[in-house]
Amino acid sequence: MSGAGQDSGQAGVAGTGQPLKRTHQVTVLGQQYSLRTEATPEQVQEVVDFIHRSLAEVSGRQKAVDTLDVAVLTLLNVAGSYLHLKQSAAVGERRLDVLLEKLDRFIPDGGEASR
């Protein structure tokens, strides 16, 4: 199997506040893994597809075809992208906070704009 799709169990009880986790079987670089997650099969498949695309991109740029090298380089690329997005989100949050503070000055304490 080259992706998600097999749901082999659930943990958690509806109505208890515990997350409902499923086990998904995925294959990456020929190795099969069992993932326990709250994600839907579609979400797991999206992650697996992203990983496959990322691995293919890195392996296409590298002359070395060692699986571990490709996996580590892919991990470094993904981590770098994640950290960049995280930093961008933090900047956006700070900007939003500033804008909300400015907006608060024009709205009375009741939270509704007066006419």
PDB file of N, CA and C in Angstrom:
ATOM      1  N   MET A   1       0.851  -1.170   0.000  1.00  0.00           N
ATOM      2  CA  MET A   1       0.000   0.000   0.000  1.00  0.00           C
ATOM      3  C   MET A   1       0.893   1.228   0.000  1.00  0.00           C
ATOM      4  N   SER A   2       0.537   2.247  -0.759  1.00  0.00           N
ATOM      5  CA  SER A   2       1.390   3.425  -0.837  1.00  0.00           C
ATOM      6  C   SER A   2       0.752   4.626  -0.180  1.00  0.00           C
ATOM      7  N   GLY A   3      -0.211   4.437   0.654  1.00  0.00           N
ATOM      8  CA  GLY A   3      -0.827   5.585   1.295  1.00  0.00           C
ATOM      9  C   GLY A   3      -1.715   5.153   2.423  1.00  0.00           C
ATOM     10  N   ALA A   4      -2.658   6.025   2.743  1.00  0.00           N
ATOM     11  CA  ALA A   4      -3.576   5.766   3.837  1.00  0.00           C
ATOM     12  C   ALA A   4      -4.741   4.954   3.316  1.00  0.00           C
ATOM     13  N   GLY A   5      -5.634   4.650   4.196  1.00  0.00           N
ATOM     14  CA  GLY A   5      -6.835   4.005   3.727  1.00  0.00           C
ATOM     15  C   GLY A   5      -7.295   2.903   4.640  1.00  0.00           C
ATOM     16  N   GLN A   6      -6.384   2.202   5.253  1.00  0.00           N
ATOM     17  CA  GLN A   6      -6.831   1.154   6.144  1.00  0.00           C
ATOM     18  C   GLN A   6      -7.018   1.726   7.529  1.00  0.00           C
ATOM     19  N   ASP A   7      -8.201   1.565   8.032  1.00  0.00           N
ATOM     20  CA  ASP A   7      -8.552   2.029   9.362  1.00  0.00           C
ATOM     21  C   ASP A   7      -8.711   0.780  10.203  1.00  0.00           C
ATOM     22  N   SER A   8      -7.773   0.559  11.114  1.00  0.00           N
ATOM     23  CA  SER A   8      -7.798  -0.714  11.830  1.00  0.00           C
ATOM     24  C   SER A   8      -8.053  -0.546  13.313  1.00  0.00           C
ATOM     25  N   GLY A   9      -8.953   0.330  13.651  1.00  0.00           N
ATOM     26  CA  GLY A   9      -9.305   0.421  15.055  1.00  0.00           C
ATOM     27  C   GLY A   9      -9.499   1.844  15.498  1.00  0.00           C
ATOM     28  N   GLN A  10     -10.161   1.972  16.625  1.00  0.00           N
ATOM     29  CA  GLN A  10     -10.432   3.287  17.163  1.00  0.00           C
ATOM     30  C   GLN A  10     -10.156   3.274  18.650  1.00  0.00           C
ATOM     31  N   ALA A  11      -9.754   4.413  19.156  1.00  0.00           N
ATOM     32  CA  ALA A  11      -9.581   4.579  20.592  1.00  0.00           C
ATOM     33  C   ALA A  11     -10.311   5.845  20.983  1.00  0.00           C
ATOM     34  N   GLY A  12     -10.812   5.899  22.167  1.00  0.00           N
ATOM     35  CA  GLY A  12     -11.559   7.072  22.596  1.00  0.00           C
ATOM     36  C   GLY A  12     -13.030   6.736  22.608  1.00  0.00           C
ATOM     37  N   VAL A  13     -13.741   7.446  23.437  1.00  0.00           N
ATOM     38  CA  VAL A  13     -15.158   7.176  23.590  1.00  0.00           C
ATOM     39  C   VAL A  13     -15.922   8.453  23.306  1.00  0.00           C
ATOM     40  N   ALA A  14     -16.909   8.362  22.440  1.00  0.00           N
ATOM     41  CA  ALA A  14     -17.713   9.530  22.105  1.00  0.00           C
ATOM     42  C   ALA A  14     -18.361  10.090  23.362  1.00  0.00           C
ATOM     43  N   GLY A  15     -18.352  11.407  23.476  1.00  0.00           N
ATOM     44  CA  GLY A  15     -18.991  12.061  24.604  1.00  0.00           C
ATOM     45  C   GLY A  15     -18.116  12.173  25.839  1.00  0.00           C
ATOM     46  N   THR A  16     -16.899  11.637  25.803  1.00  0.00           N
ATOM     47  CA  THR A  16     -16.032  11.704  26.981  1.00  0.00           C
ATOM     48  C   THR A  16     -14.992  12.802  26.865  1.00  0.00           C
ATOM     49  N   GLY A  17     -14.914  13.439  25.718  1.00  0.00           N
ATOM     50  CA  GLY A  17     -13.901  14.459  25.522  1.00  0.00           C
ATOM     51  C   GLY A  17     -12.571  13.889  25.064  1.00  0.00           C
ATOM     52  N   GLN A  18     -12.465  12.561  25.046  1.00  0.00           N
ATOM     53  CA  GLN A  18     -11.238  11.938  24.564  1.00  0.00           C
ATOM     54  C   GLN A  18     -11.252  11.942  23.042  1.00  0.00           C
ATOM     55  N   PRO A  19     -10.113  12.247  22.433  1.00  0.00           N
ATOM     56  CA  PRO A  19     -10.080  12.249  20.969  1.00  0.00           C
ATOM     57  C   PRO A  19     -10.261  10.842  20.414  1.00  0.00           C
ATOM     58  N   LEU A  20     -10.915  10.778  19.287  1.00  0.00           N
ATOM     59  CA  LEU A  20     -11.113   9.513  18.600  1.00  0.00           C
ATOM     60  C   LEU A  20      -9.913   9.290  17.692  1.00  0.00           C
ATOM     61  N   LYS A  21      -9.125   8.274  17.978  1.00  0.00           N
ATOM     62  CA  LYS A  21      -7.927   8.005  17.186  1.00  0.00           C
ATOM     63  C   LYS A  21      -8.127   6.738  16.381  1.00  0.00           C
ATOM     64  N   ARG A  22      -7.588   6.774  15.180  1.00  0.00           N
ATOM     65  CA  ARG A  22      -7.634   5.616  14.303  1.00  0.00           C
ATOM     66  C   ARG A  22      -6.214   5.228  13.943  1.00  0.00           C
ATOM     67  N   THR A  23      -6.041   3.972  13.616  1.00  0.00           N
ATOM     68  CA  THR A  23      -4.747   3.500  13.143  1.00  0.00           C
ATOM     69  C   THR A  23      -4.795   3.412  11.630  1.00  0.00           C
ATOM     70  N   HIS A  24      -3.836   4.046  10.992  1.00  0.00           N
ATOM     71  CA  HIS A  24      -3.736   4.052   9.536  1.00  0.00           C
ATOM     72  C   HIS A  24      -2.421   3.391   9.150  1.00  0.00           C
ATOM     73  N   GLN A  25      -2.449   2.576   8.123  1.00  0.00           N
ATOM     74  CA  GLN A  25      -1.242   1.953   7.588  1.00  0.00           C
ATOM     75  C   GLN A  25      -0.786   2.772   6.384  1.00  0.00           C
ATOM     76  N   VAL A  26       0.465   3.214   6.407  1.00  0.00           N
ATOM     77  CA  VAL A  26       1.019   3.976   5.286  1.00  0.00           C
ATOM     78  C   VAL A  26       2.375   3.396   4.920  1.00  0.00           C
ATOM     79  N   THR A  27       2.777   3.629   3.684  1.00  0.00           N
ATOM     80  CA  THR A  27       4.081   3.178   3.222  1.00  0.00           C
ATOM     81  C   THR A  27       4.841   4.373   2.678  1.00  0.00           C
ATOM     82  N   VAL A  28       6.053   4.555   3.183  1.00  0.00           N
ATOM     83  CA  VAL A  28       6.933   5.626   2.725  1.00  0.00           C
ATOM     84  C   VAL A  28       8.304   5.003   2.480  1.00  0.00           C
ATOM     85  N   LEU A  29       8.840   5.238   1.298  1.00  0.00           N
ATOM     86  CA  LEU A  29      10.141   4.685   0.903  1.00  0.00           C
ATOM     87  C   LEU A  29      10.198   3.169   1.091  1.00  0.00           C
ATOM     88  N   GLY A  30       9.096   2.514   0.772  1.00  0.00           N
ATOM     89  CA  GLY A  30       9.048   1.066   0.844  1.00  0.00           C
ATOM     90  C   GLY A  30       8.881   0.491   2.235  1.00  0.00           C
ATOM     91  N   GLN A  31       8.792   1.343   3.226  1.00  0.00           N
ATOM     92  CA  GLN A  31       8.653   0.898   4.615  1.00  0.00           C
ATOM     93  C   GLN A  31       7.233   1.178   5.085  1.00  0.00           C
ATOM     94  N   GLN A  32       6.592   0.183   5.683  1.00  0.00           N
ATOM     95  CA  GLN A  32       5.229   0.367   6.158  1.00  0.00           C
ATOM     96  C   GLN A  32       5.237   0.860   7.603  1.00  0.00           C
ATOM     97  N   TYR A  33       4.334   1.805   7.877  1.00  0.00           N
ATOM     98  CA  TYR A  33       4.216   2.394   9.210  1.00  0.00           C
ATOM     99  C   TYR A  33       2.754   2.377   9.637  1.00  0.00           C
ATOM    100  N   SER A  34       2.540   2.224  10.934  1.00  0.00           N
ATOM    101  CA  SER A  34       1.204   2.348  11.514  1.00  0.00           C
ATOM    102  C   SER A  34       1.139   3.688  12.225  1.00  0.00           C
ATOM    103  N   LEU A  35       0.156   4.490  11.867  1.00  0.00           N
ATOM    104  CA  LEU A  35      -0.025   5.802  12.487  1.00  0.00           C
ATOM    105  C   LEU A  35      -1.310   5.806  13.292  1.00  0.00           C
ATOM    106  N   ARG A  36      -1.227   6.238  14.533  1.00  0.00           N
ATOM    107  CA  ARG A  36      -2.432   6.445  15.343  1.00  0.00           C
ATOM    108  C   ARG A  36      -2.657   7.942  15.412  1.00  0.00           C
ATOM    109  N   THR A  37      -3.793   8.368  14.881  1.00  0.00           N
ATOM    110  CA  THR A  37      -4.044   9.792  14.774  1.00  0.00           C
ATOM    111  C   THR A  37      -5.536  10.076  14.755  1.00  0.00           C
ATOM    112  N   GLU A  38      -5.876  11.303  15.063  1.00  0.00           N
ATOM    113  CA  GLU A  38      -7.258  11.765  14.969  1.00  0.00           C
ATOM    114  C   GLU A  38      -7.607  12.151  13.535  1.00  0.00           C
ATOM    115  N   ALA A  39      -6.612  12.214  12.677  1.00  0.00           N
ATOM    116  CA  ALA A  39      -6.822  12.644  11.294  1.00  0.00           C
ATOM    117  C   ALA A  39      -7.708  11.661  10.542  1.00  0.00           C
ATOM    118  N   THR A  40      -8.424  12.202   9.571  1.00  0.00           N
ATOM    119  CA  THR A  40      -9.252  11.362   8.707  1.00  0.00           C
ATOM    120  C   THR A  40      -8.347  10.628   7.717  1.00  0.00           C
ATOM    121  N   PRO A  41      -8.851   9.569   7.099  1.00  0.00           N
ATOM    122  CA  PRO A  41      -8.055   8.895   6.069  1.00  0.00           C
ATOM    123  C   PRO A  41      -7.630   9.853   4.953  1.00  0.00           C
ATOM    124  N   GLU A  42      -8.492  10.789   4.610  1.00  0.00           N
ATOM    125  CA  GLU A  42      -8.154  11.760   3.562  1.00  0.00           C
ATOM    126  C   GLU A  42      -7.001  12.659   3.997  1.00  0.00           C
ATOM    127  N   GLN A  43      -7.009  13.083   5.259  1.00  0.00           N
ATOM    128  CA  GLN A  43      -5.927  13.923   5.767  1.00  0.00           C
ATOM    129  C   GLN A  43      -4.611  13.154   5.804  1.00  0.00           C
ATOM    130  N   VAL A  44      -4.669  11.902   6.225  1.00  0.00           N
ATOM    131  CA  VAL A  44      -3.460  11.072   6.255  1.00  0.00           C
ATOM    132  C   VAL A  44      -2.934  10.899   4.838  1.00  0.00           C
ATOM    133  N   GLN A  45      -3.823  10.645   3.889  1.00  0.00           N
ATOM    134  CA  GLN A  45      -3.398  10.476   2.499  1.00  0.00           C
ATOM    135  C   GLN A  45      -2.768  11.755   1.968  1.00  0.00           C
ATOM    136  N   GLU A  46      -3.310  12.895   2.348  1.00  0.00           N
ATOM    137  CA  GLU A  46      -2.735  14.173   1.916  1.00  0.00           C
ATOM    138  C   GLU A  46      -1.305  14.327   2.440  1.00  0.00           C
ATOM    139  N   VAL A  47      -1.079  13.931   3.682  1.00  0.00           N
ATOM    140  CA  VAL A  47       0.269  13.997   4.262  1.00  0.00           C
ATOM    141  C   VAL A  47       1.206  13.043   3.528  1.00  0.00           C
ATOM    142  N   VAL A  48       0.752  11.826   3.298  1.00  0.00           N
ATOM    143  CA  VAL A  48       1.578  10.836   2.605  1.00  0.00           C
ATOM    144  C   VAL A  48       1.911  11.321   1.194  1.00  0.00           C
ATOM    145  N   ASP A  49       0.927  11.871   0.500  1.00  0.00           N
ATOM    146  CA  ASP A  49       1.178  12.398  -0.846  1.00  0.00           C
ATOM    147  C   ASP A  49       2.196  13.536  -0.810  1.00  0.00           C
ATOM    148  N   PHE A  50       2.082  14.410   0.190  1.00  0.00           N
ATOM    149  CA  PHE A  50       3.036  15.511   0.343  1.00  0.00           C
ATOM    150  C   PHE A  50       4.446  14.968   0.560  1.00  0.00           C
ATOM    151  N   ILE A  51       4.562  13.970   1.422  1.00  0.00           N
ATOM    152  CA  ILE A  51       5.870  13.366   1.694  1.00  0.00           C
ATOM    153  C   ILE A  51       6.439  12.741   0.424  1.00  0.00           C
ATOM    154  N   HIS A  52       5.605  12.018  -0.313  1.00  0.00           N
ATOM    155  CA  HIS A  52       6.084  11.396  -1.555  1.00  0.00           C
ATOM    156  C   HIS A  52       6.561  12.454  -2.549  1.00  0.00           C
ATOM    157  N   ARG A  53       5.800  13.549  -2.692  1.00  0.00           N
ATOM    158  CA  ARG A  53       6.215  14.624  -3.608  1.00  0.00           C
ATOM    159  C   ARG A  53       7.524  15.255  -3.140  1.00  0.00           C
ATOM    160  N   SER A  54       7.643  15.481  -1.833  1.00  0.00           N
ATOM    161  CA  SER A  54       8.850  16.098  -1.284  1.00  0.00           C
ATOM    162  C   SER A  54      10.063  15.194  -1.473  1.00  0.00           C
ATOM    163  N   LEU A  55       9.888  13.908  -1.225  1.00  0.00           N
ATOM    164  CA  LEU A  55      10.982  12.957  -1.425  1.00  0.00           C
ATOM    165  C   LEU A  55      11.400  12.904  -2.893  1.00  0.00           C
ATOM    166  N   ALA A  56      10.424  12.897  -3.789  1.00  0.00           N
ATOM    167  CA  ALA A  56      10.726  12.843  -5.221  1.00  0.00           C
ATOM    168  C   ALA A  56      11.463  14.104  -5.667  1.00  0.00           C
ATOM    169  N   GLU A  57      11.062  15.243  -5.121  1.00  0.00           N
ATOM    170  CA  GLU A  57      11.721  16.506  -5.464  1.00  0.00           C
ATOM    171  C   GLU A  57      13.185  16.481  -5.031  1.00  0.00           C
ATOM    172  N   VAL A  58      13.433  16.037  -3.812  1.00  0.00           N
ATOM    173  CA  VAL A  58      14.805  15.989  -3.303  1.00  0.00           C
ATOM    174  C   VAL A  58      15.620  14.953  -4.065  1.00  0.00           C
ATOM    175  N   SER A  59      15.061  13.778  -4.281  1.00  0.00           N
ATOM    176  CA  SER A  59      15.830  12.731  -4.966  1.00  0.00           C
ATOM    177  C   SER A  59      16.105  13.108  -6.415  1.00  0.00           C
ATOM    178  N   GLY A  60      15.237  13.911  -7.014  1.00  0.00           N
ATOM    179  CA  GLY A  60      15.462  14.368  -8.379  1.00  0.00           C
ATOM    180  C   GLY A  60      16.592  15.371  -8.484  1.00  0.00           C
ATOM    181  N   ARG A  61      16.884  16.070  -7.390  1.00  0.00           N
ATOM    182  CA  ARG A  61      17.954  17.077  -7.383  1.00  0.00           C
ATOM    183  C   ARG A  61      19.285  16.509  -6.930  1.00  0.00           C
ATOM    184  N   GLN A  62      19.268  15.340  -6.311  1.00  0.00           N
ATOM    185  CA  GLN A  62      20.488  14.774  -5.728  1.00  0.00           C
ATOM    186  C   GLN A  62      21.048  13.676  -6.618  1.00  0.00           C
ATOM    187  N   LYS A  63      22.356  13.655  -6.725  1.00  0.00           N
ATOM    188  CA  LYS A  63      23.000  12.566  -7.462  1.00  0.00           C
ATOM    189  C   LYS A  63      23.032  11.309  -6.600  1.00  0.00           C
ATOM    190  N   ALA A  64      23.211  11.497  -5.304  1.00  0.00           N
ATOM    191  CA  ALA A  64      23.225  10.350  -4.392  1.00  0.00           C
ATOM    192  C   ALA A  64      21.800   9.824  -4.252  1.00  0.00           C
ATOM    193  N   VAL A  65      21.654   8.540  -4.272  1.00  0.00           N
ATOM    194  CA  VAL A  65      20.323   7.957  -4.170  1.00  0.00           C
ATOM    195  C   VAL A  65      20.142   7.193  -2.866  1.00  0.00           C
ATOM    196  N   ASP A  66      21.023   7.427  -1.909  1.00  0.00           N
ATOM    197  CA  ASP A  66      20.886   6.771  -0.614  1.00  0.00           C
ATOM    198  C   ASP A  66      19.575   7.218   0.028  1.00  0.00           C
ATOM    199  N   THR A  67      18.766   6.258   0.405  1.00  0.00           N
ATOM    200  CA  THR A  67      17.444   6.540   0.956  1.00  0.00           C
ATOM    201  C   THR A  67      17.520   7.405   2.207  1.00  0.00           C
ATOM    202  N   LEU A  68      18.454   7.108   3.082  1.00  0.00           N
ATOM    203  CA  LEU A  68      18.581   7.897   4.309  1.00  0.00           C
ATOM    204  C   LEU A  68      18.947   9.341   3.989  1.00  0.00           C
ATOM    205  N   ASP A  69      19.865   9.546   3.046  1.00  0.00           N
ATOM    206  CA  ASP A  69      20.237  10.910   2.666  1.00  0.00           C
ATOM    207  C   ASP A  69      19.039  11.674   2.120  1.00  0.00           C
ATOM    208  N   VAL A  70      18.282  11.026   1.254  1.00  0.00           N
ATOM    209  CA  VAL A  70      17.099  11.670   0.678  1.00  0.00           C
ATOM    210  C   VAL A  70      16.093  11.998   1.777  1.00  0.00           C
ATOM    211  N   ALA A  71      15.888  11.067   2.700  1.00  0.00           N
ATOM    212  CA  ALA A  71      14.929  11.295   3.785  1.00  0.00           C
ATOM    213  C   ALA A  71      15.374  12.452   4.677  1.00  0.00           C
ATOM    214  N   VAL A  72      16.654  12.500   5.018  1.00  0.00           N
ATOM    215  CA  VAL A  72      17.152  13.569   5.895  1.00  0.00           C
ATOM    216  C   VAL A  72      17.077  14.917   5.187  1.00  0.00           C
ATOM    217  N   LEU A  73      17.478  14.973   3.926  1.00  0.00           N
ATOM    218  CA  LEU A  73      17.396  16.234   3.181  1.00  0.00           C
ATOM    219  C   LEU A  73      15.945  16.695   3.042  1.00  0.00           C
ATOM    220  N   THR A  74      15.048  15.758   2.819  1.00  0.00           N
ATOM    221  CA  THR A  74      13.622  16.098   2.739  1.00  0.00           C
ATOM    222  C   THR A  74      13.134  16.634   4.076  1.00  0.00           C
ATOM    223  N   LEU A  75      13.522  15.981   5.147  1.00  0.00           N
ATOM    224  CA  LEU A  75      13.138  16.433   6.486  1.00  0.00           C
ATOM    225  C   LEU A  75      13.653  17.846   6.752  1.00  0.00           C
ATOM    226  N   LEU A  76      14.886  18.118   6.364  1.00  0.00           N
ATOM    227  CA  LEU A  76      15.444  19.462   6.549  1.00  0.00           C
ATOM    228  C   LEU A  76      14.662  20.500   5.742  1.00  0.00           C
ATOM    229  N   ASN A  77      14.301  20.159   4.513  1.00  0.00           N
ATOM    230  CA  ASN A  77      13.509  21.080   3.687  1.00  0.00           C
ATOM    231  C   ASN A  77      12.138  21.347   4.305  1.00  0.00           C
ATOM    232  N   VAL A  78      11.476  20.289   4.734  1.00  0.00           N
ATOM    233  CA  VAL A  78      10.142  20.435   5.322  1.00  0.00           C
ATOM    234  C   VAL A  78      10.218  21.230   6.626  1.00  0.00           C
ATOM    235  N   ALA A  79      11.213  20.941   7.452  1.00  0.00           N
ATOM    236  CA  ALA A  79      11.369  21.675   8.714  1.00  0.00           C
ATOM    237  C   ALA A  79      11.645  23.150   8.447  1.00  0.00           C
ATOM    238  N   GLY A  80      12.477  23.441   7.464  1.00  0.00           N
ATOM    239  CA  GLY A  80      12.752  24.835   7.116  1.00  0.00           C
ATOM    240  C   GLY A  80      11.501  25.560   6.659  1.00  0.00           C
ATOM    241  N   SER A  81      10.705  24.902   5.829  1.00  0.00           N
ATOM    242  CA  SER A  81       9.448  25.504   5.366  1.00  0.00           C
ATOM    243  C   SER A  81       8.487  25.720   6.526  1.00  0.00           C
ATOM    244  N   TYR A  82       8.395  24.740   7.402  1.00  0.00           N
ATOM    245  CA  TYR A  82       7.516  24.854   8.567  1.00  0.00           C
ATOM    246  C   TYR A  82       7.921  26.045   9.437  1.00  0.00           C
ATOM    247  N   LEU A  83       9.207  26.158   9.730  1.00  0.00           N
ATOM    248  CA  LEU A  83       9.670  27.254  10.585  1.00  0.00           C
ATOM    249  C   LEU A  83       9.441  28.608   9.927  1.00  0.00           C
ATOM    250  N   HIS A  84       9.619  28.678   8.614  1.00  0.00           N
ATOM    251  CA  HIS A  84       9.348  29.928   7.895  1.00  0.00           C
ATOM    252  C   HIS A  84       7.867  30.295   7.998  1.00  0.00           C
ATOM    253  N   LEU A  85       6.991  29.322   7.792  1.00  0.00           N
ATOM    254  CA  LEU A  85       5.552  29.581   7.895  1.00  0.00           C
ATOM    255  C   LEU A  85       5.153  29.958   9.321  1.00  0.00           C
ATOM    256  N   LYS A  86       5.763  29.301  10.291  1.00  0.00           N
ATOM    257  CA  LYS A  86       5.477  29.604  11.694  1.00  0.00           C
ATOM    258  C   LYS A  86       5.870  31.048  12.014  1.00  0.00           C
ATOM    259  N   GLN A  87       7.026  31.470  11.524  1.00  0.00           N
ATOM    260  CA  GLN A  87       7.486  32.838  11.747  1.00  0.00           C
ATOM    261  C   GLN A  87       6.556  33.830  11.044  1.00  0.00           C
ATOM    262  N   SER A  88       6.153  33.515   9.827  1.00  0.00           N
ATOM    263  CA  SER A  88       5.238  34.389   9.092  1.00  0.00           C
ATOM    264  C   SER A  88       3.902  34.513   9.815  1.00  0.00           C
ATOM    265  N   ALA A  89       3.422  33.415  10.369  1.00  0.00           N
ATOM    266  CA  ALA A  89       2.162  33.444  11.107  1.00  0.00           C
ATOM    267  C   ALA A  89       2.288  34.315  12.351  1.00  0.00           C
ATOM    268  N   ALA A  90       3.425  34.241  13.028  1.00  0.00           N
ATOM    269  CA  ALA A  90       3.637  35.058  14.229  1.00  0.00           C
ATOM    270  C   ALA A  90       3.644  36.538  13.872  1.00  0.00           C
ATOM    271  N   VAL A  91       4.274  36.880  12.760  1.00  0.00           N
ATOM    272  CA  VAL A  91       4.286  38.277  12.307  1.00  0.00           C
ATOM    273  C   VAL A  91       2.861  38.720  11.992  1.00  0.00           C
ATOM    274  N   GLY A  92       2.106  37.867  11.326  1.00  0.00           N
ATOM    275  CA  GLY A  92       0.711  38.180  11.004  1.00  0.00           C
ATOM    276  C   GLY A  92      -0.132  38.355  12.254  1.00  0.00           C
ATOM    277  N   GLU A  93       0.098  37.522  13.254  1.00  0.00           N
ATOM    278  CA  GLU A  93      -0.644  37.644  14.516  1.00  0.00           C
ATOM    279  C   GLU A  93      -0.341  38.967  15.206  1.00  0.00           C
ATOM    280  N   ARG A  94       0.935  39.342  15.231  1.00  0.00           N
ATOM    281  CA  ARG A  94       1.304  40.618  15.861  1.00  0.00           C
ATOM    282  C   ARG A  94       0.654  41.788  15.120  1.00  0.00           C
ATOM    283  N   ARG A  95       0.641  41.716  13.805  1.00  0.00           N
ATOM    284  CA  ARG A  95       0.021  42.787  13.015  1.00  0.00           C
ATOM    285  C   ARG A  95      -1.479  42.840  13.285  1.00  0.00           C
ATOM    286  N   LEU A  96      -2.107  41.683  13.365  1.00  0.00           N
ATOM    287  CA  LEU A  96      -3.531  41.625  13.664  1.00  0.00           C
ATOM    288  C   LEU A  96      -3.816  42.204  15.048  1.00  0.00           C
ATOM    289  N   ASP A  97      -2.977  41.897  16.028  1.00  0.00           N
ATOM    290  CA  ASP A  97      -3.151  42.454  17.375  1.00  0.00           C
ATOM    291  C   ASP A  97      -3.094  43.979  17.355  1.00  0.00           C
ATOM    292  N   VAL A  98      -2.149  44.527  16.598  1.00  0.00           N
ATOM    293  CA  VAL A  98      -2.024  45.985  16.496  1.00  0.00           C
ATOM    294  C   VAL A  98      -3.284  46.579  15.867  1.00  0.00           C
ATOM    295  N   LEU A  99      -3.765  45.947  14.803  1.00  0.00           N
ATOM    296  CA  LEU A  99      -4.974  46.440  14.138  1.00  0.00           C
ATOM    297  C   LEU A  99      -6.195  46.338  15.049  1.00  0.00           C
ATOM    298  N   LEU A 100      -6.291  45.259  15.815  1.00  0.00           N
ATOM    299  CA  LEU A 100      -7.413  45.112  16.742  1.00  0.00           C
ATOM    300  C   LEU A 100      -7.360  46.161  17.845  1.00  0.00           C
ATOM    301  N   GLU A 101      -6.162  46.473  18.321  1.00  0.00           N
ATOM    302  CA  GLU A 101      -6.029  47.526  19.332  1.00  0.00           C
ATOM    303  C   GLU A 101      -6.493  48.863  18.772  1.00  0.00           C
ATOM    304  N   LYS A 102      -6.134  49.153  17.538  1.00  0.00           N
ATOM    305  CA  LYS A 102      -6.575  50.400  16.903  1.00  0.00           C
ATOM    306  C   LYS A 102      -8.092  50.414  16.756  1.00  0.00           C
ATOM    307  N   LEU A 103      -8.650  49.290  16.369  1.00  0.00           N
ATOM    308  CA  LEU A 103     -10.093  49.190  16.199  1.00  0.00           C
ATOM    309  C   LEU A 103     -10.810  49.351  17.534  1.00  0.00           C
ATOM    310  N   ASP A 104     -10.247  48.790  18.590  1.00  0.00           N
ATOM    311  CA  ASP A 104     -10.853  48.893  19.921  1.00  0.00           C
ATOM    312  C   ASP A 104     -11.002  50.345  20.368  1.00  0.00           C
ATOM    313  N   ARG A 105     -10.131  51.211  19.909  1.00  0.00           N
ATOM    314  CA  ARG A 105     -10.218  52.625  20.289  1.00  0.00           C
ATOM    315  C   ARG A 105     -11.469  53.292  19.721  1.00  0.00           C
ATOM    316  N   PHE A 106     -12.008  52.734  18.647  1.00  0.00           N
ATOM    317  CA  PHE A 106     -13.167  53.336  17.991  1.00  0.00           C
ATOM    318  C   PHE A 106     -14.481  52.669  18.356  1.00  0.00           C
ATOM    319  N   ILE A 107     -14.417  51.601  19.132  1.00  0.00           N
ATOM    320  CA  ILE A 107     -15.631  50.884  19.520  1.00  0.00           C
ATOM    321  C   ILE A 107     -15.835  51.072  21.020  1.00  0.00           C
ATOM    322  N   PRO A 108     -17.042  51.470  21.428  1.00  0.00           N
ATOM    323  CA  PRO A 108     -17.313  51.633  22.864  1.00  0.00           C
ATOM    324  C   PRO A 108     -17.123  50.315  23.618  1.00  0.00           C
ATOM    325  N   ASP A 109     -17.057  50.404  24.943  1.00  0.00           N
ATOM    326  CA  ASP A 109     -16.805  49.237  25.785  1.00  0.00           C
ATOM    327  C   ASP A 109     -17.794  48.099  25.566  1.00  0.00           C
ATOM    328  N   GLY A 110     -18.983  48.378  25.119  1.00  0.00           N
ATOM    329  CA  GLY A 110     -19.982  47.333  24.899  1.00  0.00           C
ATOM    330  C   GLY A 110     -19.623  46.411  23.750  1.00  0.00           C
ATOM    331  N   GLY A 111     -18.655  46.787  22.940  1.00  0.00           N
ATOM    332  CA  GLY A 111     -18.227  45.926  21.855  1.00  0.00           C
ATOM    333  C   GLY A 111     -18.993  46.119  20.568  1.00  0.00           C
ATOM    334  N   GLU A 112     -19.996  47.017  20.577  1.00  0.00           N
ATOM    335  CA  GLU A 112     -20.764  47.249  19.362  1.00  0.00           C
ATOM    336  C   GLU A 112     -20.551  48.684  18.917  1.00  0.00           C
ATOM    337  N   ALA A 113     -20.412  48.861  17.638  1.00  0.00           N
ATOM    338  CA  ALA A 113     -20.242  50.207  17.096  1.00  0.00           C
ATOM    339  C   ALA A 113     -21.551  50.967  17.241  1.00  0.00           C
ATOM    340  N   SER A 114     -21.446  52.228  17.633  1.00  0.00           N
ATOM    341  CA  SER A 114     -22.662  53.038  17.772  1.00  0.00           C
ATOM    342  C   SER A 114     -22.976  53.698  16.443  1.00  0.00           C
ATOM    343  N   ARG A 115     -24.245  54.005  16.266  1.00  0.00           N
ATOM    344  CA  ARG A 115     -24.672  54.647  15.016  1.00  0.00           C
ATOM    345  C   ARG A 115     -24.935  56.093  15.249  1.00  0.00           C
TER     346      ARG A 115
END
